[in-house]
Amino acid sequence: MKIFFRLVQSLVLLLLLAPCAFAEIDKVIIVSDEWKNYSNKDGSGYYLDTVREIFEK
């Protein structure tokens, strides 16, 4: 019975989140503290470069 409940719960969650997979993202806002070489004030850094690579069109 516990396995059945988990299966139903997973299917409901999948159906609720499915429209998110097809949503169009117009704008992503990133907020972060300044971490040397990860997220610098000038918009450079490993973290910000990675986010830019993922979300730029």
PDB file of N, CA and C in Angstrom:
ATOM      1  N   MET A   1       0.824  -1.188   0.000  1.00  0.00           N
ATOM      2  CA  MET A   1       0.000   0.000   0.000  1.00  0.00           C
ATOM      3  C   MET A   1       0.869   1.253   0.000  1.00  0.00           C
ATOM      4  N   LYS A   2       1.992   1.216   0.715  1.00  0.00           N
ATOM      5  CA  LYS A   2       2.883   2.364   0.784  1.00  0.00           C
ATOM      6  C   LYS A   2       3.498   2.667  -0.586  1.00  0.00           C
ATOM      7  N   ILE A   3       3.824   1.624  -1.332  1.00  0.00           N
ATOM      8  CA  ILE A   3       4.391   1.808  -2.667  1.00  0.00           C
ATOM      9  C   ILE A   3       3.357   2.439  -3.594  1.00  0.00           C
ATOM     10  N   PHE A   4       2.113   2.004  -3.497  1.00  0.00           N
ATOM     11  CA  PHE A   4       1.040   2.568  -4.320  1.00  0.00           C
ATOM     12  C   PHE A   4       0.864   4.058  -4.023  1.00  0.00           C
ATOM     13  N   PHE A   5       0.887   4.427  -2.741  1.00  0.00           N
ATOM     14  CA  PHE A   5       0.750   5.832  -2.359  1.00  0.00           C
ATOM     15  C   PHE A   5       1.896   6.652  -2.930  1.00  0.00           C
ATOM     16  N   ARG A   6       3.117   6.141  -2.866  1.00  0.00           N
ATOM     17  CA  ARG A   6       4.276   6.846  -3.421  1.00  0.00           C
ATOM     18  C   ARG A   6       4.142   6.999  -4.934  1.00  0.00           C
ATOM     19  N   LEU A   7       3.647   5.977  -5.601  1.00  0.00           N
ATOM     20  CA  LEU A   7       3.463   6.034  -7.044  1.00  0.00           C
ATOM     21  C   LEU A   7       2.429   7.095  -7.421  1.00  0.00           C
ATOM     22  N   VAL A   8       1.308   7.112  -6.737  1.00  0.00           N
ATOM     23  CA  VAL A   8       0.267   8.103  -6.995  1.00  0.00           C
ATOM     24  C   VAL A   8       0.793   9.504  -6.690  1.00  0.00           C
ATOM     25  N   GLN A   9       1.499   9.656  -5.602  1.00  0.00           N
ATOM     26  CA  GLN A   9       2.070  10.940  -5.226  1.00  0.00           C
ATOM     27  C   GLN A   9       3.050  11.424  -6.300  1.00  0.00           C
ATOM     28  N   SER A  10       3.875  10.550  -6.812  1.00  0.00           N
ATOM     29  CA  SER A  10       4.839  10.910  -7.852  1.00  0.00           C
ATOM     30  C   SER A  10       4.140  11.307  -9.145  1.00  0.00           C
ATOM     31  N   LEU A  11       3.113  10.588  -9.513  1.00  0.00           N
ATOM     32  CA  LEU A  11       2.373  10.907 -10.731  1.00  0.00           C
ATOM     33  C   LEU A  11       1.659  12.256 -10.629  1.00  0.00           C
ATOM     34  N   VAL A  12       1.075  12.545  -9.485  1.00  0.00           N
ATOM     35  CA  VAL A  12       0.409  13.835  -9.287  1.00  0.00           C
ATOM     36  C   VAL A  12       1.426  14.958  -9.367  1.00  0.00           C
ATOM     37  N   LEU A  13       2.564  14.782  -8.740  1.00  0.00           N
ATOM     38  CA  LEU A  13       3.612  15.798  -8.779  1.00  0.00           C
ATOM     39  C   LEU A  13       4.106  16.005 -10.211  1.00  0.00           C
ATOM     40  N   LEU A  14       4.279  14.927 -10.947  1.00  0.00           N
ATOM     41  CA  LEU A  14       4.708  15.019 -12.335  1.00  0.00           C
ATOM     42  C   LEU A  14       3.692  15.783 -13.175  1.00  0.00           C
ATOM     43  N   LEU A  15       2.415  15.502 -12.984  1.00  0.00           N
ATOM     44  CA  LEU A  15       1.374  16.198 -13.746  1.00  0.00           C
ATOM     45  C   LEU A  15       1.289  17.677 -13.381  1.00  0.00           C
ATOM     46  N   LEU A  16       1.544  18.005 -12.137  1.00  0.00           N
ATOM     47  CA  LEU A  16       1.506  19.406 -11.724  1.00  0.00           C
ATOM     48  C   LEU A  16       2.700  20.195 -12.252  1.00  0.00           C
ATOM     49  N   LEU A  17       3.849  19.542 -12.369  1.00  0.00           N
ATOM     50  CA  LEU A  17       5.061  20.225 -12.795  1.00  0.00           C
ATOM     51  C   LEU A  17       5.303  20.168 -14.306  1.00  0.00           C
ATOM     52  N   ALA A  18       4.559  19.348 -15.022  1.00  0.00           N
ATOM     53  CA  ALA A  18       4.762  19.193 -16.464  1.00  0.00           C
ATOM     54  C   ALA A  18       4.655  20.505 -17.235  1.00  0.00           C
ATOM     55  N   PRO A  19       3.680  21.373 -16.943  1.00  0.00           N
ATOM     56  CA  PRO A  19       3.612  22.639 -17.697  1.00  0.00           C
ATOM     57  C   PRO A  19       4.846  23.517 -17.510  1.00  0.00           C
ATOM     58  N   CYS A  20       5.534  23.387 -16.408  1.00  0.00           N
ATOM     59  CA  CYS A  20       6.738  24.187 -16.167  1.00  0.00           C
ATOM     60  C   CYS A  20       7.841  23.846 -17.159  1.00  0.00           C
ATOM     61  N   ALA A  21       7.855  22.631 -17.637  1.00  0.00           N
ATOM     62  CA  ALA A  21       8.887  22.207 -18.578  1.00  0.00           C
ATOM     63  C   ALA A  21       8.749  22.913 -19.916  1.00  0.00           C
ATOM     64  N   PHE A  22       7.550  23.375 -20.246  1.00  0.00           N
ATOM     65  CA  PHE A  22       7.301  24.020 -21.527  1.00  0.00           C
ATOM     66  C   PHE A  22       7.138  25.529 -21.402  1.00  0.00           C
ATOM     67  N   ALA A  23       7.375  26.076 -20.229  1.00  0.00           N
ATOM     68  CA  ALA A  23       7.207  27.513 -20.004  1.00  0.00           C
ATOM     69  C   ALA A  23       8.337  28.282 -20.684  1.00  0.00           C
ATOM     70  N   GLU A  24       8.021  29.440 -21.181  1.00  0.00           N
ATOM     71  CA  GLU A  24       9.003  30.317 -21.810  1.00  0.00           C
ATOM     72  C   GLU A  24       9.569  31.259 -20.742  1.00  0.00           C
ATOM     73  N   ILE A  25      10.874  31.267 -20.596  1.00  0.00           N
ATOM     74  CA  ILE A  25      11.515  32.126 -19.607  1.00  0.00           C
ATOM     75  C   ILE A  25      11.942  33.408 -20.304  1.00  0.00           C
ATOM     76  N   ASP A  26      11.394  34.544 -19.861  1.00  0.00           N
ATOM     77  CA  ASP A  26      11.733  35.822 -20.461  1.00  0.00           C
ATOM     78  C   ASP A  26      12.879  36.514 -19.739  1.00  0.00           C
ATOM     79  N   LYS A  27      12.943  36.346 -18.427  1.00  0.00           N
ATOM     80  CA  LYS A  27      13.926  37.084 -17.645  1.00  0.00           C
ATOM     81  C   LYS A  27      14.319  36.272 -16.417  1.00  0.00           C
ATOM     82  N   VAL A  28      15.605  36.202 -16.155  1.00  0.00           N
ATOM     83  CA  VAL A  28      16.122  35.533 -14.970  1.00  0.00           C
ATOM     84  C   VAL A  28      16.881  36.573 -14.152  1.00  0.00           C
ATOM     85  N   ILE A  29      16.531  36.700 -12.885  1.00  0.00           N
ATOM     86  CA  ILE A  29      17.191  37.654 -12.002  1.00  0.00           C
ATOM     87  C   ILE A  29      18.031  36.871 -10.995  1.00  0.00           C
ATOM     88  N   ILE A  30      19.306  37.172 -10.965  1.00  0.00           N
ATOM     89  CA  ILE A  30      20.237  36.495 -10.061  1.00  0.00           C
ATOM     90  C   ILE A  30      20.702  37.494  -9.004  1.00  0.00           C
ATOM     91  N   VAL A  31      20.638  37.111  -7.748  1.00  0.00           N
ATOM     92  CA  VAL A  31      21.110  37.942  -6.644  1.00  0.00           C
ATOM     93  C   VAL A  31      22.123  37.115  -5.859  1.00  0.00           C
ATOM     94  N   SER A  32      23.266  37.726  -5.589  1.00  0.00           N
ATOM     95  CA  SER A  32      24.310  36.994  -4.890  1.00  0.00           C
ATOM     96  C   SER A  32      25.219  37.963  -4.152  1.00  0.00           C
ATOM     97  N   ASP A  33      25.832  37.492  -3.095  1.00  0.00           N
ATOM     98  CA  ASP A  33      26.898  38.250  -2.450  1.00  0.00           C
ATOM     99  C   ASP A  33      28.119  38.212  -3.358  1.00  0.00           C
ATOM    100  N   GLU A  34      29.053  39.091  -3.097  1.00  0.00           N
ATOM    101  CA  GLU A  34      30.290  39.067  -3.875  1.00  0.00           C
ATOM    102  C   GLU A  34      31.215  38.000  -3.292  1.00  0.00           C
ATOM    103  N   TRP A  35      31.560  37.024  -4.117  1.00  0.00           N
ATOM    104  CA  TRP A  35      32.496  35.972  -3.743  1.00  0.00           C
ATOM    105  C   TRP A  35      33.643  36.045  -4.740  1.00  0.00           C
ATOM    106  N   LYS A  36      34.816  36.295  -4.263  1.00  0.00           N
ATOM    107  CA  LYS A  36      35.970  36.470  -5.147  1.00  0.00           C
ATOM    108  C   LYS A  36      36.107  35.287  -6.113  1.00  0.00           C
ATOM    109  N   ASN A  37      36.159  35.616  -7.391  1.00  0.00           N
ATOM    110  CA  ASN A  37      36.299  34.669  -8.506  1.00  0.00           C
ATOM    111  C   ASN A  37      35.064  33.814  -8.763  1.00  0.00           C
ATOM    112  N   TYR A  38      34.007  33.960  -7.980  1.00  0.00           N
ATOM    113  CA  TYR A  38      32.768  33.220  -8.222  1.00  0.00           C
ATOM    114  C   TYR A  38      31.648  34.143  -8.684  1.00  0.00           C
ATOM    115  N   SER A  39      31.441  35.258  -7.978  1.00  0.00           N
ATOM    116  CA  SER A  39      30.461  36.259  -8.404  1.00  0.00           C
ATOM    117  C   SER A  39      30.988  37.636  -8.013  1.00  0.00           C
ATOM    118  N   ASN A  40      31.587  38.298  -8.972  1.00  0.00           N
ATOM    119  CA  ASN A  40      32.189  39.616  -8.749  1.00  0.00           C
ATOM    120  C   ASN A  40      31.169  40.710  -9.032  1.00  0.00           C
ATOM    121  N   LYS A  41      31.415  41.914  -8.492  1.00  0.00           N
ATOM    122  CA  LYS A  41      30.503  43.043  -8.667  1.00  0.00           C
ATOM    123  C   LYS A  41      30.317  43.427 -10.134  1.00  0.00           C
ATOM    124  N   ASP A  42      31.342  43.208 -10.950  1.00  0.00           N
ATOM    125  CA  ASP A  42      31.267  43.600 -12.356  1.00  0.00           C
ATOM    126  C   ASP A  42      30.528  42.577 -13.226  1.00  0.00           C
ATOM    127  N   GLY A  43      29.972  41.529 -12.619  1.00  0.00           N
ATOM    128  CA  GLY A  43      29.216  40.524 -13.360  1.00  0.00           C
ATOM    129  C   GLY A  43      30.057  39.385 -13.890  1.00  0.00           C
ATOM    130  N   SER A  44      31.319  39.351 -13.539  1.00  0.00           N
ATOM    131  CA  SER A  44      32.187  38.252 -13.958  1.00  0.00           C
ATOM    132  C   SER A  44      32.282  37.224 -12.835  1.00  0.00           C
ATOM    133  N   GLY A  45      32.924  36.142 -13.128  1.00  0.00           N
ATOM    134  CA  GLY A  45      33.129  35.105 -12.124  1.00  0.00           C
ATOM    135  C   GLY A  45      32.547  33.772 -12.576  1.00  0.00           C
ATOM    136  N   TYR A  46      33.057  32.719 -11.999  1.00  0.00           N
ATOM    137  CA  TYR A  46      32.683  31.355 -12.403  1.00  0.00           C
ATOM    138  C   TYR A  46      31.179  31.116 -12.298  1.00  0.00           C
ATOM    139  N   TYR A  47      30.590  31.454 -11.164  1.00  0.00           N
ATOM    140  CA  TYR A  47      29.161  31.220 -10.941  1.00  0.00           C
ATOM    141  C   TYR A  47      28.316  31.991 -11.948  1.00  0.00           C
ATOM    142  N   LEU A  48      28.597  33.276 -12.103  1.00  0.00           N
ATOM    143  CA  LEU A  48      27.801  34.100 -13.011  1.00  0.00           C
ATOM    144  C   LEU A  48      28.036  33.707 -14.466  1.00  0.00           C
ATOM    145  N   ASP A  49      29.241  33.315 -14.819  1.00  0.00           N
ATOM    146  CA  ASP A  49      29.504  32.841 -16.182  1.00  0.00           C
ATOM    147  C   ASP A  49      28.732  31.560 -16.476  1.00  0.00           C
ATOM    148  N   THR A  50      28.649  30.677 -15.486  1.00  0.00           N
ATOM    149  CA  THR A  50      27.894  29.433 -15.662  1.00  0.00           C
ATOM    150  C   THR A  50      26.412  29.717 -15.844  1.00  0.00           C
ATOM    151  N   VAL A  51      25.857  30.589 -15.022  1.00  0.00           N
ATOM    152  CA  VAL A  51      24.440  30.949 -15.141  1.00  0.00           C
ATOM    153  C   VAL A  51      24.183  31.604 -16.496  1.00  0.00           C
ATOM    154  N   ARG A  52      25.087  32.469 -16.923  1.00  0.00           N
ATOM    155  CA  ARG A  52      24.948  33.132 -18.220  1.00  0.00           C
ATOM    156  C   ARG A  52      24.961  32.112 -19.365  1.00  0.00           C
ATOM    157  N   GLU A  53      25.832  31.132 -19.306  1.00  0.00           N
ATOM    158  CA  GLU A  53      25.899  30.099 -20.338  1.00  0.00           C
ATOM    159  C   GLU A  53      24.600  29.290 -20.408  1.00  0.00           C
ATOM    160  N   ILE A  54      23.995  29.059 -19.280  1.00  0.00           N
ATOM    161  CA  ILE A  54      22.775  28.252 -19.239  1.00  0.00           C
ATOM    162  C   ILE A  54      21.569  29.030 -19.764  1.00  0.00           C
ATOM    163  N   PHE A  55      21.439  30.301 -19.374  1.00  0.00           N
ATOM    164  CA  PHE A  55      20.206  31.029 -19.636  1.00  0.00           C
ATOM    165  C   PHE A  55      20.251  32.002 -20.804  1.00  0.00           C
ATOM    166  N   GLU A  56      21.412  32.322 -21.357  1.00  0.00           N
ATOM    167  CA  GLU A  56      21.435  33.224 -22.498  1.00  0.00           C
ATOM    168  C   GLU A  56      20.885  32.518 -23.718  1.00  0.00           C
ATOM    169  N   LYS A  57      20.209  33.275 -24.537  1.00  0.00           N
ATOM    170  CA  LYS A  57      19.625  32.691 -25.752  1.00  0.00           C
ATOM    171  C   LYS A  57      20.589  32.765 -26.897  1.00  0.00           C
TER     172      LYS A  57
END
